Full PDB file with SEQRES, HELIX, SHEET, SSBOND, CRYST1, ORIGX, SCALE, CONECT and MASTER records, all heavy atoms in Angstrom:
SEQRES   1 A   32  ALA ARG LYS LEU ALA ARG GLY VAL LEU ALA THR ALA LEU          
SEQRES   2 A   32  VAL LEU ALA ALA ALA ALA VAL GLY PHE ALA LEU GLY THR          
SEQRES   3 A   32  ALA ARG GLN ARG PRO PRO                                      
HELIX    1 AA1 ARG A    2  VAL A   20  1                                  19    
CRYST1    1.000    1.000    1.000  90.00  90.00  90.00 P 1           1          
ORIGX1      1.000000  0.000000  0.000000        0.00000                         
ORIGX2      0.000000  1.000000  0.000000        0.00000                         
ORIGX3      0.000000  0.000000  1.000000        0.00000                         
SCALE1      1.000000  0.000000  0.000000        0.00000                         
SCALE2      0.000000  1.000000  0.000000        0.00000                         
SCALE3      0.000000  0.000000  1.000000        0.00000                         
ATOM      1  N   ALA A   1       0.851  -1.213  -0.021  1.00  0.00           N  
ATOM      2  CA  ALA A   1       0.013  -0.008   0.011  1.00  0.00           C  
ATOM      3  C   ALA A   1       0.880   1.265  -0.004  1.00  0.00           C  
ATOM      4  O   ALA A   1       0.580   2.207  -0.688  1.00  0.00           O  
ATOM      5  CB  ALA A   1      -0.926   0.004   1.230  1.00  0.00           C  
ATOM      6  N   ARG A   2       1.958   1.214   0.787  1.00  0.00           N  
ATOM      7  CA  ARG A   2       2.846   2.359   0.785  1.00  0.00           C  
ATOM      8  C   ARG A   2       3.476   2.595  -0.545  1.00  0.00           C  
ATOM      9  O   ARG A   2       3.645   3.720  -1.023  1.00  0.00           O  
ATOM     10  CB  ARG A   2       3.947   2.217   1.904  1.00  0.00           C  
ATOM     11  CG  ARG A   2       3.412   2.353   3.322  1.00  0.00           C  
ATOM     12  CD  ARG A   2       4.559   2.576   4.295  1.00  0.00           C  
ATOM     13  NE  ARG A   2       5.494   1.487   4.318  1.00  0.00           N  
ATOM     14  CZ  ARG A   2       5.350   0.448   5.123  1.00  0.00           C  
ATOM     15  NH1 ARG A   2       4.375   0.399   5.985  1.00  0.00           N  
ATOM     16  NH2 ARG A   2       6.276  -0.512   5.091  1.00  0.00           N  
ATOM     17  N   LYS A   3       3.893   1.529  -1.208  1.00  0.00           N  
ATOM     18  CA  LYS A   3       4.529   1.665  -2.548  1.00  0.00           C  
ATOM     19  C   LYS A   3       3.530   2.211  -3.544  1.00  0.00           C  
ATOM     20  O   LYS A   3       3.856   3.082  -4.342  1.00  0.00           O  
ATOM     21  CB  LYS A   3       5.037   0.275  -3.002  1.00  0.00           C  
ATOM     22  CG  LYS A   3       6.286  -0.185  -2.246  1.00  0.00           C  
ATOM     23  CD  LYS A   3       6.709  -1.537  -2.710  1.00  0.00           C  
ATOM     24  CE  LYS A   3       7.310  -1.463  -4.099  1.00  0.00           C  
ATOM     25  NZ  LYS A   3       7.736  -2.794  -4.587  1.00  0.00           N  
ATOM     26  N   LEU A   4       2.306   1.724  -3.482  1.00  0.00           N  
ATOM     27  CA  LEU A   4       1.275   2.235  -4.404  1.00  0.00           C  
ATOM     28  C   LEU A   4       0.982   3.711  -4.152  1.00  0.00           C  
ATOM     29  O   LEU A   4       0.748   4.479  -5.037  1.00  0.00           O  
ATOM     30  CB  LEU A   4       0.018   1.403  -4.329  1.00  0.00           C  
ATOM     31  CG  LEU A   4       0.036   0.099  -5.110  1.00  0.00           C  
ATOM     32  CD1 LEU A   4      -1.138  -0.781  -4.748  1.00  0.00           C  
ATOM     33  CD2 LEU A   4       0.069   0.360  -6.606  1.00  0.00           C  
ATOM     34  N   ALA A   5       1.004   4.109  -2.831  1.00  0.00           N  
ATOM     35  CA  ALA A   5       0.746   5.492  -2.529  1.00  0.00           C  
ATOM     36  C   ALA A   5       1.836   6.382  -3.098  1.00  0.00           C  
ATOM     37  O   ALA A   5       1.545   7.487  -3.555  1.00  0.00           O  
ATOM     38  CB  ALA A   5       0.699   5.659  -0.976  1.00  0.00           C  
ATOM     39  N   ARG A   6       3.111   5.892  -3.081  1.00  0.00           N  
ATOM     40  CA  ARG A   6       4.131   6.683  -3.721  1.00  0.00           C  
ATOM     41  C   ARG A   6       3.920   6.840  -5.218  1.00  0.00           C  
ATOM     42  O   ARG A   6       4.175   7.882  -5.793  1.00  0.00           O  
ATOM     43  CB  ARG A   6       5.534   6.033  -3.432  1.00  0.00           C  
ATOM     44  CG  ARG A   6       5.952   6.167  -1.984  1.00  0.00           C  
ATOM     45  CD  ARG A   6       7.489   5.962  -1.887  1.00  0.00           C  
ATOM     46  NE  ARG A   6       7.882   4.621  -2.282  1.00  0.00           N  
ATOM     47  CZ  ARG A   6       7.952   3.582  -1.460  1.00  0.00           C  
ATOM     48  NH1 ARG A   6       7.569   3.696  -0.211  1.00  0.00           N  
ATOM     49  NH2 ARG A   6       8.355   2.402  -1.936  1.00  0.00           N  
ATOM     50  N   GLY A   7       3.413   5.765  -5.824  1.00  0.00           N  
ATOM     51  CA  GLY A   7       3.108   5.828  -7.236  1.00  0.00           C  
ATOM     52  C   GLY A   7       1.979   6.817  -7.533  1.00  0.00           C  
ATOM     53  O   GLY A   7       2.025   7.528  -8.528  1.00  0.00           O  
ATOM     54  N   VAL A   8       0.994   6.907  -6.662  1.00  0.00           N  
ATOM     55  CA  VAL A   8      -0.066   7.865  -6.849  1.00  0.00           C  
ATOM     56  C   VAL A   8       0.495   9.282  -6.787  1.00  0.00           C  
ATOM     57  O   VAL A   8       0.127  10.130  -7.630  1.00  0.00           O  
ATOM     58  CB  VAL A   8      -1.118   7.696  -5.721  1.00  0.00           C  
ATOM     59  CG1 VAL A   8      -2.172   8.834  -5.814  1.00  0.00           C  
ATOM     60  CG2 VAL A   8      -1.779   6.373  -5.798  1.00  0.00           C  
ATOM     61  N   LEU A   9       1.386   9.510  -5.841  1.00  0.00           N  
ATOM     62  CA  LEU A   9       2.016  10.863  -5.793  1.00  0.00           C  
ATOM     63  C   LEU A   9       2.769  11.185  -7.042  1.00  0.00           C  
ATOM     64  O   LEU A   9       2.641  12.285  -7.558  1.00  0.00           O  
ATOM     65  CB  LEU A   9       2.933  10.904  -4.545  1.00  0.00           C  
ATOM     66  CG  LEU A   9       3.735  12.190  -4.398  1.00  0.00           C  
ATOM     67  CD1 LEU A   9       2.774  13.361  -4.221  1.00  0.00           C  
ATOM     68  CD2 LEU A   9       4.666  12.093  -3.201  1.00  0.00           C  
ATOM     69  N   ALA A  10       3.510  10.217  -7.580  1.00  0.00           N  
ATOM     70  CA  ALA A  10       4.260  10.457  -8.802  1.00  0.00           C  
ATOM     71  C   ALA A  10       3.279  10.827  -9.947  1.00  0.00           C  
ATOM     72  O   ALA A  10       3.570  11.778 -10.684  1.00  0.00           O  
ATOM     73  CB  ALA A  10       5.067   9.199  -9.147  1.00  0.00           C  
ATOM     74  N   THR A  11       2.211  10.097 -10.084  1.00  0.00           N  
ATOM     75  CA  THR A  11       1.238  10.411 -11.150  1.00  0.00           C  
ATOM     76  C   THR A  11       0.634  11.757 -10.936  1.00  0.00           C  
ATOM     77  O   THR A  11       0.466  12.529 -11.883  1.00  0.00           O  
ATOM     78  CB  THR A  11       0.176   9.313 -11.183  1.00  0.00           C  
ATOM     79  OG1 THR A  11       0.847   8.059 -11.402  1.00  0.00           O  
ATOM     80  CG2 THR A  11      -0.791   9.569 -12.363  1.00  0.00           C  
ATOM     81  N   ALA A  12       0.259  12.052  -9.728  1.00  0.00           N  
ATOM     82  CA  ALA A  12      -0.371  13.356  -9.440  1.00  0.00           C  
ATOM     83  C   ALA A  12       0.599  14.508  -9.804  1.00  0.00           C  
ATOM     84  O   ALA A  12       0.188  15.525 -10.308  1.00  0.00           O  
ATOM     85  CB  ALA A  12      -0.754  13.416  -7.939  1.00  0.00           C  
ATOM     86  N   LEU A  13       1.913  14.323  -9.528  1.00  0.00           N  
ATOM     87  CA  LEU A  13       2.860  15.349  -9.841  1.00  0.00           C  
ATOM     88  C   LEU A  13       2.965  15.570 -11.345  1.00  0.00           C  
ATOM     89  O   LEU A  13       3.073  16.682 -11.796  1.00  0.00           O  
ATOM     90  CB  LEU A  13       4.239  14.994  -9.262  1.00  0.00           C  
ATOM     91  CG  LEU A  13       4.414  15.127  -7.731  1.00  0.00           C  
ATOM     92  CD1 LEU A  13       5.706  14.485  -7.316  1.00  0.00           C  
ATOM     93  CD2 LEU A  13       4.271  16.561  -7.306  1.00  0.00           C  
ATOM     94  N   VAL A  14       2.889  14.476 -12.103  1.00  0.00           N  
ATOM     95  CA  VAL A  14       2.959  14.570 -13.556  1.00  0.00           C  
ATOM     96  C   VAL A  14       1.771  15.368 -14.075  1.00  0.00           C  
ATOM     97  O   VAL A  14       1.881  16.248 -14.905  1.00  0.00           O  
ATOM     98  CB  VAL A  14       3.028  13.206 -14.257  1.00  0.00           C  
ATOM     99  CG1 VAL A  14       2.925  13.370 -15.737  1.00  0.00           C  
ATOM    100  CG2 VAL A  14       4.331  12.516 -13.888  1.00  0.00           C  
ATOM    101  N   LEU A  15       0.591  15.065 -13.543  1.00  0.00           N  
ATOM    102  CA  LEU A  15      -0.612  15.806 -13.986  1.00  0.00           C  
ATOM    103  C   LEU A  15      -0.561  17.223 -13.597  1.00  0.00           C  
ATOM    104  O   LEU A  15      -0.900  18.131 -14.364  1.00  0.00           O  
ATOM    105  CB  LEU A  15      -1.852  15.125 -13.339  1.00  0.00           C  
ATOM    106  CG  LEU A  15      -2.194  13.699 -13.874  1.00  0.00           C  
ATOM    107  CD1 LEU A  15      -3.160  13.022 -12.906  1.00  0.00           C  
ATOM    108  CD2 LEU A  15      -2.771  13.776 -15.247  1.00  0.00           C  
ATOM    109  N   ALA A  16      -0.032  17.522 -12.410  1.00  0.00           N  
ATOM    110  CA  ALA A  16       0.086  18.902 -11.992  1.00  0.00           C  
ATOM    111  C   ALA A  16       1.071  19.649 -12.890  1.00  0.00           C  
ATOM    112  O   ALA A  16       0.885  20.801 -13.216  1.00  0.00           O  
ATOM    113  CB  ALA A  16       0.541  18.977 -10.518  1.00  0.00           C  
ATOM    114  N   ALA A  17       2.169  18.961 -13.218  1.00  0.00           N  
ATOM    115  CA  ALA A  17       3.176  19.615 -14.092  1.00  0.00           C  
ATOM    116  C   ALA A  17       2.546  19.993 -15.423  1.00  0.00           C  
ATOM    117  O   ALA A  17       2.833  21.060 -15.999  1.00  0.00           O  
ATOM    118  CB  ALA A  17       4.379  18.694 -14.252  1.00  0.00           C  
ATOM    119  N   ALA A  18       1.725  19.141 -16.003  1.00  0.00           N  
ATOM    120  CA  ALA A  18       1.078  19.455 -17.255  1.00  0.00           C  
ATOM    121  C   ALA A  18       0.215  20.668 -17.109  1.00  0.00           C  
ATOM    122  O   ALA A  18       0.079  21.478 -18.025  1.00  0.00           O  
ATOM    123  CB  ALA A  18       0.227  18.257 -17.719  1.00  0.00           C  
ATOM    124  N   ALA A  19      -0.428  20.842 -15.953  1.00  0.00           N  
ATOM    125  CA  ALA A  19      -1.292  21.969 -15.730  1.00  0.00           C  
ATOM    126  C   ALA A  19      -0.546  23.306 -15.730  1.00  0.00           C  
ATOM    127  O   ALA A  19      -1.072  24.309 -16.229  1.00  0.00           O  
ATOM    128  CB  ALA A  19      -2.059  21.812 -14.435  1.00  0.00           C  
ATOM    129  N   VAL A  20       0.630  23.333 -15.187  1.00  0.00           N  
ATOM    130  CA  VAL A  20       1.345  24.643 -15.069  1.00  0.00           C  
ATOM    131  C   VAL A  20       2.528  24.737 -16.051  1.00  0.00           C  
ATOM    132  O   VAL A  20       3.126  25.790 -16.131  1.00  0.00           O  
ATOM    133  CB  VAL A  20       1.810  24.862 -13.611  1.00  0.00           C  
ATOM    134  CG1 VAL A  20       0.588  24.945 -12.691  1.00  0.00           C  
ATOM    135  CG2 VAL A  20       2.720  23.756 -13.139  1.00  0.00           C  
ATOM    136  N   GLY A  21       2.848  23.637 -16.717  1.00  0.00           N  
ATOM    137  CA  GLY A  21       3.884  23.704 -17.753  1.00  0.00           C  
ATOM    138  C   GLY A  21       5.335  23.793 -17.256  1.00  0.00           C  
ATOM    139  O   GLY A  21       6.144  24.495 -17.851  1.00  0.00           O  
ATOM    140  N   PHE A  22       5.665  23.090 -16.142  1.00  0.00           N  
ATOM    141  CA  PHE A  22       7.076  23.049 -15.743  1.00  0.00           C  
ATOM    142  C   PHE A  22       7.504  21.620 -15.566  1.00  0.00           C  
ATOM    143  O   PHE A  22       6.661  20.733 -15.339  1.00  0.00           O  
ATOM    144  CB  PHE A  22       7.317  23.865 -14.464  1.00  0.00           C  
ATOM    145  CG  PHE A  22       6.517  23.374 -13.266  1.00  0.00           C  
ATOM    146  CD1 PHE A  22       6.953  22.317 -12.535  1.00  0.00           C  
ATOM    147  CD2 PHE A  22       5.362  24.008 -12.940  1.00  0.00           C  
ATOM    148  CE1 PHE A  22       6.268  21.893 -11.446  1.00  0.00           C  
ATOM    149  CE2 PHE A  22       4.604  23.604 -11.798  1.00  0.00           C  
ATOM    150  CZ  PHE A  22       5.051  22.553 -11.091  1.00  0.00           C  
ATOM    151  N   ALA A  23       8.827  21.379 -15.611  1.00  0.00           N  
ATOM    152  CA  ALA A  23       9.355  20.038 -15.458  1.00  0.00           C  
ATOM    153  C   ALA A  23       9.305  19.609 -14.015  1.00  0.00           C  
ATOM    154  O   ALA A  23       9.317  20.428 -13.098  1.00  0.00           O  
ATOM    155  CB  ALA A  23      10.780  19.968 -15.989  1.00  0.00           C  
ATOM    156  N   LEU A  24       9.311  18.301 -13.809  1.00  0.00           N  
ATOM    157  CA  LEU A  24       9.200  17.734 -12.470  1.00  0.00           C  
ATOM    158  C   LEU A  24      10.552  17.560 -11.807  1.00  0.00           C  
ATOM    159  O   LEU A  24      11.549  17.445 -12.452  1.00  0.00           O  
ATOM    160  CB  LEU A  24       8.551  16.332 -12.547  1.00  0.00           C  
ATOM    161  CG  LEU A  24       7.118  16.292 -13.077  1.00  0.00           C  
ATOM    162  CD1 LEU A  24       6.680  14.890 -13.190  1.00  0.00           C  
ATOM    163  CD2 LEU A  24       6.182  17.071 -12.175  1.00  0.00           C  
ATOM    164  N   GLY A  25      10.555  17.557 -10.498  1.00  0.00           N  
ATOM    165  CA  GLY A  25      11.732  17.220  -9.706  1.00  0.00           C  
ATOM    166  C   GLY A  25      11.923  15.708  -9.666  1.00  0.00           C  
ATOM    167  O   GLY A  25      11.082  14.945 -10.107  1.00  0.00           O  
ATOM    168  N   THR A  26      13.060  15.291  -9.119  1.00  0.00           N  
ATOM    169  CA  THR A  26      13.378  13.875  -9.063  1.00  0.00           C  
ATOM    170  C   THR A  26      12.508  13.163  -8.031  1.00  0.00           C  
ATOM    171  O   THR A  26      12.325  13.661  -6.913  1.00  0.00           O  
ATOM    172  CB  THR A  26      14.839  13.676  -8.664  1.00  0.00           C  
ATOM    173  OG1 THR A  26      15.658  14.385  -9.619  1.00  0.00           O  
ATOM    174  CG2 THR A  26      15.253  12.213  -8.678  1.00  0.00           C  
ATOM    175  N   ALA A  27      12.005  11.978  -8.369  1.00  0.00           N  
ATOM    176  CA  ALA A  27      11.364  11.144  -7.392  1.00  0.00           C  
ATOM    177  C   ALA A  27      12.422  10.256  -6.746  1.00  0.00           C  
ATOM    178  O   ALA A  27      12.998   9.393  -7.416  1.00  0.00           O  
ATOM    179  CB  ALA A  27      10.296  10.275  -8.073  1.00  0.00           C  
ATOM    180  N   ARG A  28      12.765  10.482  -5.498  1.00  0.00           N  
ATOM    181  CA  ARG A  28      13.906   9.800  -4.895  1.00  0.00           C  
ATOM    182  C   ARG A  28      13.511   8.401  -4.464  1.00  0.00           C  
ATOM    183  O   ARG A  28      14.408   7.562  -4.367  1.00  0.00           O  
ATOM    184  CB  ARG A  28      14.379  10.597  -3.661  1.00  0.00           C  
ATOM    185  CG  ARG A  28      14.898  11.942  -4.040  1.00  0.00           C  
ATOM    186  CD  ARG A  28      15.518  12.670  -2.838  1.00  0.00           C  
ATOM    187  NE  ARG A  28      16.001  13.979  -3.249  1.00  0.00           N  
ATOM    188  CZ  ARG A  28      17.203  14.203  -3.784  1.00  0.00           C  
ATOM    189  NH1 ARG A  28      17.993  13.157  -4.021  1.00  0.00           N  
ATOM    190  NH2 ARG A  28      17.553  15.371  -4.117  1.00  0.00           N  
ATOM    191  N   GLN A  29      12.255   8.107  -4.231  1.00  0.00           N  
ATOM    192  CA  GLN A  29      11.891   6.740  -3.911  1.00  0.00           C  
ATOM    193  C   GLN A  29      11.258   6.114  -5.147  1.00  0.00           C  
ATOM    194  O   GLN A  29      10.499   6.709  -5.875  1.00  0.00           O  
ATOM    195  CB  GLN A  29      10.838   6.739  -2.756  1.00  0.00           C  
ATOM    196  CG  GLN A  29      11.470   7.211  -1.430  1.00  0.00           C  
ATOM    197  CD  GLN A  29      10.431   7.255  -0.367  1.00  0.00           C  
ATOM    198  OE1 GLN A  29       9.408   7.835  -0.575  1.00  0.00           O  
ATOM    199  NE2 GLN A  29      10.727   6.656   0.769  1.00  0.00           N  
ATOM    200  N   ARG A  30      11.588   4.838  -5.337  1.00  0.00           N  
ATOM    201  CA  ARG A  30      11.091   4.177  -6.556  1.00  0.00           C  
ATOM    202  C   ARG A  30       9.637   3.766  -6.400  1.00  0.00           C  
ATOM    203  O   ARG A  30       9.269   3.017  -5.492  1.00  0.00           O  
ATOM    204  CB  ARG A  30      11.946   2.914  -6.797  1.00  0.00           C  
ATOM    205  CG  ARG A  30      11.548   2.185  -8.102  1.00  0.00           C  
ATOM    206  CD  ARG A  30      12.296   0.905  -8.210  1.00  0.00           C  
ATOM    207  NE  ARG A  30      11.871   0.196  -9.372  1.00  0.00           N  
ATOM    208  CZ  ARG A  30      12.268  -1.039  -9.681  1.00  0.00           C  
ATOM    209  NH1 ARG A  30      13.066  -1.695  -8.840  1.00  0.00           N  
ATOM    210  NH2 ARG A  30      11.842  -1.616 -10.769  1.00  0.00           N  
ATOM    211  N   PRO A  31       8.744   4.300  -7.256  1.00  0.00           N  
ATOM    212  CA  PRO A  31       7.336   3.919  -7.221  1.00  0.00           C  
ATOM    213  C   PRO A  31       7.125   2.576  -7.882  1.00  0.00           C  
ATOM    214  O   PRO A  31       8.061   2.022  -8.467  1.00  0.00           O  
ATOM    215  CB  PRO A  31       6.649   5.045  -7.992  1.00  0.00           C  
ATOM    216  CG  PRO A  31       7.672   5.489  -8.920  1.00  0.00           C  
ATOM    217  CD  PRO A  31       9.012   5.277  -8.296  1.00  0.00           C  
ATOM    218  N   PRO A  32       5.914   1.999  -7.854  1.00  0.00           N  
ATOM    219  CA  PRO A  32       5.661   0.733  -8.555  1.00  0.00           C  
ATOM    220  C   PRO A  32       5.942   0.877 -10.013  1.00  0.00           C  
ATOM    221  O   PRO A  32       5.853   1.964 -10.602  1.00  0.00           O  
ATOM    222  CB  PRO A  32       4.169   0.492  -8.275  1.00  0.00           C  
ATOM    223  CG  PRO A  32       3.832   1.338  -7.134  1.00  0.00           C  
ATOM    224  CD  PRO A  32       4.761   2.496  -7.147  1.00  0.00           C  
TER     225      PRO A  32                                                      
MASTER        0    0    0    1    0    0    0    6  224    1    0    3          
END                                                                             
């Protein structure tokens, strides 16, 4: 569940980046 939650955060960040048009920072923990 914790690993999947990290994956959710990664996806949410990508969607947010598309909304404002900037590149993402590094995800330091490996998501699923």
